[in-house]
Amino acid sequence: MERQPKMYNTGADYALAIIGGKWKSVILYLLAGHPRRTSELVKQLGTSYKVLSDQLREMSDAGLVIRKSFNTIPPHVEYRLTPEGENLYAALRYLNYWGENRAKQTNDIKIMCTDEMKQVGDDGLCVITKKHLNHWRQGIVKSKDKDISI
């Protein structure tokens, strides 16, 4: 029995379905340019090993990431982007550029990226780390406290 192909409205709809979710686009940014070990990715993202391995497995199944195991003691694994993943990364770079420029033109939109976050990235793109997420959470709590006191 032949399976029916999945249908998407546009190519962009299909691409966003592949990288949808909280971590996949950030993982693409972190893997761009060089391979990283699992522990490096966990430290950068501040997520659990299970969540990261699930995301990497899905990205590997989609052909975006290659997993390489080293037979050493202790054993370690590295992940890197495939050529297809690099192509998607290039598209995301432009999407990021478009979003930042659009946000500058709109008064009620704010991009949380800072110069410090851009320095973490290898090519000047914003990289969200655990430290930045904690900073944002503290800022949100402080702003809510101000709203309550008014």
Protein backbone atom coordinates (compact mmCIF):
# COMPACT_ATOMS: atom_id res chain seq x y z
CA MET A 1 0.00 0.00 0.00
CA GLU A 2 1.44 3.35 -1.07
CA ARG A 3 1.49 6.16 1.49
CA GLN A 4 0.04 9.55 0.62
CA PRO A 5 2.61 12.37 0.75
CA LYS A 6 2.22 15.02 3.43
CA MET A 7 0.85 18.23 1.99
CA TYR A 8 2.08 21.73 2.86
CA ASN A 9 0.74 25.03 1.59
CA THR A 10 4.14 26.44 0.65
CA GLY A 11 7.81 25.57 0.75
CA ALA A 12 8.20 28.00 3.65
CA ASP A 13 5.44 26.14 5.51
CA TYR A 14 7.36 22.89 5.04
CA ALA A 15 10.68 24.44 6.12
CA LEU A 16 9.13 25.93 9.25
CA ALA A 17 7.57 22.56 10.09
CA ILE A 18 11.06 21.01 10.03
CA ILE A 19 12.65 23.61 12.32
CA GLY A 20 9.58 24.36 14.40
CA GLY A 21 9.85 24.31 18.16
CA LYS A 22 11.81 26.09 20.80
CA TRP A 23 15.37 24.86 20.20
CA LYS A 24 15.95 23.77 16.60
CA SER A 25 16.70 27.18 15.09
CA VAL A 26 19.06 27.99 17.98
CA ILE A 27 20.80 24.62 17.54
CA LEU A 28 21.28 25.46 13.84
CA TYR A 29 22.94 28.75 14.82
CA LEU A 30 25.21 27.04 17.35
CA LEU A 31 26.31 24.31 14.94
CA ALA A 32 26.99 26.70 12.05
CA GLY A 33 30.64 26.74 11.14
CA HIS A 34 31.95 23.96 13.38
CA PRO A 35 30.93 20.79 15.20
CA ARG A 36 30.03 20.83 18.88
CA ARG A 37 29.90 18.21 21.58
CA THR A 38 26.67 17.45 23.36
CA SER A 39 27.89 18.98 26.63
CA GLU A 40 28.80 22.24 24.85
CA LEU A 41 25.30 22.49 23.43
CA VAL A 42 23.70 21.77 26.81
CA LYS A 43 25.79 24.51 28.44
CA GLN A 44 24.93 27.03 25.73
CA LEU A 45 21.22 26.26 25.67
CA GLY A 46 20.63 25.52 29.33
CA THR A 47 18.35 22.62 28.44
CA SER A 48 18.41 19.01 29.58
CA TYR A 49 20.32 16.27 27.78
CA LYS A 50 17.05 14.50 26.98
CA VAL A 51 15.45 17.54 25.34
CA LEU A 52 18.63 18.23 23.39
CA SER A 53 19.04 14.63 22.22
CA ASP A 54 15.38 14.53 21.11
CA GLN A 55 15.83 17.74 19.10
CA LEU A 56 19.12 16.53 17.57
CA ARG A 57 17.56 13.18 16.66
CA GLU A 58 14.69 14.93 14.86
CA MET A 59 17.14 17.20 13.06
CA SER A 60 19.26 14.20 12.11
CA ASP A 61 16.19 12.38 10.77
CA ALA A 62 15.41 15.49 8.67
CA GLY A 63 18.94 15.41 7.22
CA LEU A 64 20.08 18.66 8.84
CA VAL A 65 22.59 17.30 11.37
CA ILE A 66 25.22 14.55 11.32
CA ARG A 67 26.17 12.71 14.50
CA LYS A 68 29.74 11.44 14.81
CA SER A 69 30.78 9.06 17.61
CA PHE A 70 34.39 8.80 18.71
CA ASN A 71 35.63 5.50 20.12
CA THR A 72 37.63 7.02 22.93
CA ILE A 73 37.59 6.72 26.69
CA PRO A 74 35.48 8.45 27.78
CA PRO A 75 33.42 8.23 24.59
CA HIS A 76 32.12 11.42 23.11
CA VAL A 77 29.83 12.51 20.31
CA GLU A 78 29.95 15.56 18.05
CA TYR A 79 27.22 17.06 15.94
CA ARG A 80 27.63 19.19 12.85
CA LEU A 81 25.41 20.56 10.12
CA THR A 82 25.03 18.71 6.83
CA PRO A 83 25.25 20.72 3.59
CA GLU A 84 21.44 20.84 3.69
CA GLY A 85 21.60 22.17 7.26
CA GLU A 86 24.10 24.84 6.15
CA ASN A 87 21.68 25.89 3.40
CA LEU A 88 18.86 26.19 5.91
CA TYR A 89 21.14 28.18 8.22
CA ALA A 90 21.81 30.65 5.40
CA ALA A 91 18.06 31.08 4.93
CA LEU A 92 17.59 31.62 8.68
CA ARG A 93 20.31 34.28 8.67
CA TYR A 94 18.30 36.28 6.16
CA LEU A 95 15.08 35.68 8.10
CA ASN A 96 16.85 36.96 11.24
CA TYR A 97 18.07 40.05 9.36
CA TRP A 98 14.56 40.71 8.05
CA GLY A 99 13.04 40.32 11.52
CA GLU A 100 15.54 42.66 13.19
CA ASN A 101 15.01 45.35 10.54
CA ARG A 102 11.24 44.99 10.71
CA ALA A 103 11.31 45.28 14.51
CA LYS A 104 13.32 48.52 14.28
CA GLN A 105 10.52 50.01 12.16
CA THR A 106 7.81 48.99 14.63
CA ASN A 107 7.60 50.72 18.01
CA ASP A 108 5.74 47.96 19.85
CA ILE A 109 8.19 45.14 18.94
CA LYS A 110 11.47 44.57 20.76
CA ILE A 111 14.20 42.07 19.88
CA MET A 112 15.91 40.81 23.02
CA CYS A 113 19.30 40.30 21.33
CA THR A 114 22.13 42.36 22.80
CA ASP A 115 25.65 43.11 21.58
CA GLU A 116 26.97 40.62 24.16
CA MET A 117 24.76 37.88 22.70
CA LYS A 118 26.02 38.69 19.20
CA GLN A 119 29.61 38.31 20.42
CA VAL A 120 28.85 34.75 21.59
CA GLY A 121 27.87 33.85 18.03
CA ASP A 122 30.68 33.09 15.63
CA ASP A 123 29.38 35.36 12.89
CA GLY A 124 27.65 38.17 14.71
CA LEU A 125 24.26 36.50 15.01
CA CYS A 126 22.42 36.47 18.28
CA VAL A 127 22.95 33.33 20.36
CA ILE A 128 20.66 32.74 23.31
CA THR A 129 22.41 31.16 26.27
CA LYS A 130 21.19 30.03 29.67
CA LYS A 131 22.61 33.22 31.19
CA HIS A 132 20.56 35.38 28.83
CA LEU A 133 17.37 33.43 29.49
CA ASN A 134 17.83 33.94 33.24
CA HIS A 135 18.46 37.67 32.68
CA TRP A 136 15.23 37.97 30.66
CA ARG A 137 13.24 36.11 33.31
CA GLN A 138 14.54 38.49 36.00
CA GLY A 139 13.60 41.47 33.82
CA ILE A 140 10.09 40.11 33.33
CA VAL A 141 9.65 39.53 37.07
CA LYS A 142 10.90 43.08 37.84
CA SER A 143 8.54 44.63 35.28
CA LYS A 144 5.59 42.67 36.71
CA ASP A 145 6.53 43.86 40.22
CA LYS A 146 6.53 47.48 38.96
CA ASP A 147 3.09 46.99 37.40
CA ILE A 148 1.71 45.67 40.68
CA SER A 149 3.08 48.56 42.75
CA ILE A 150 1.53 51.20 40.50
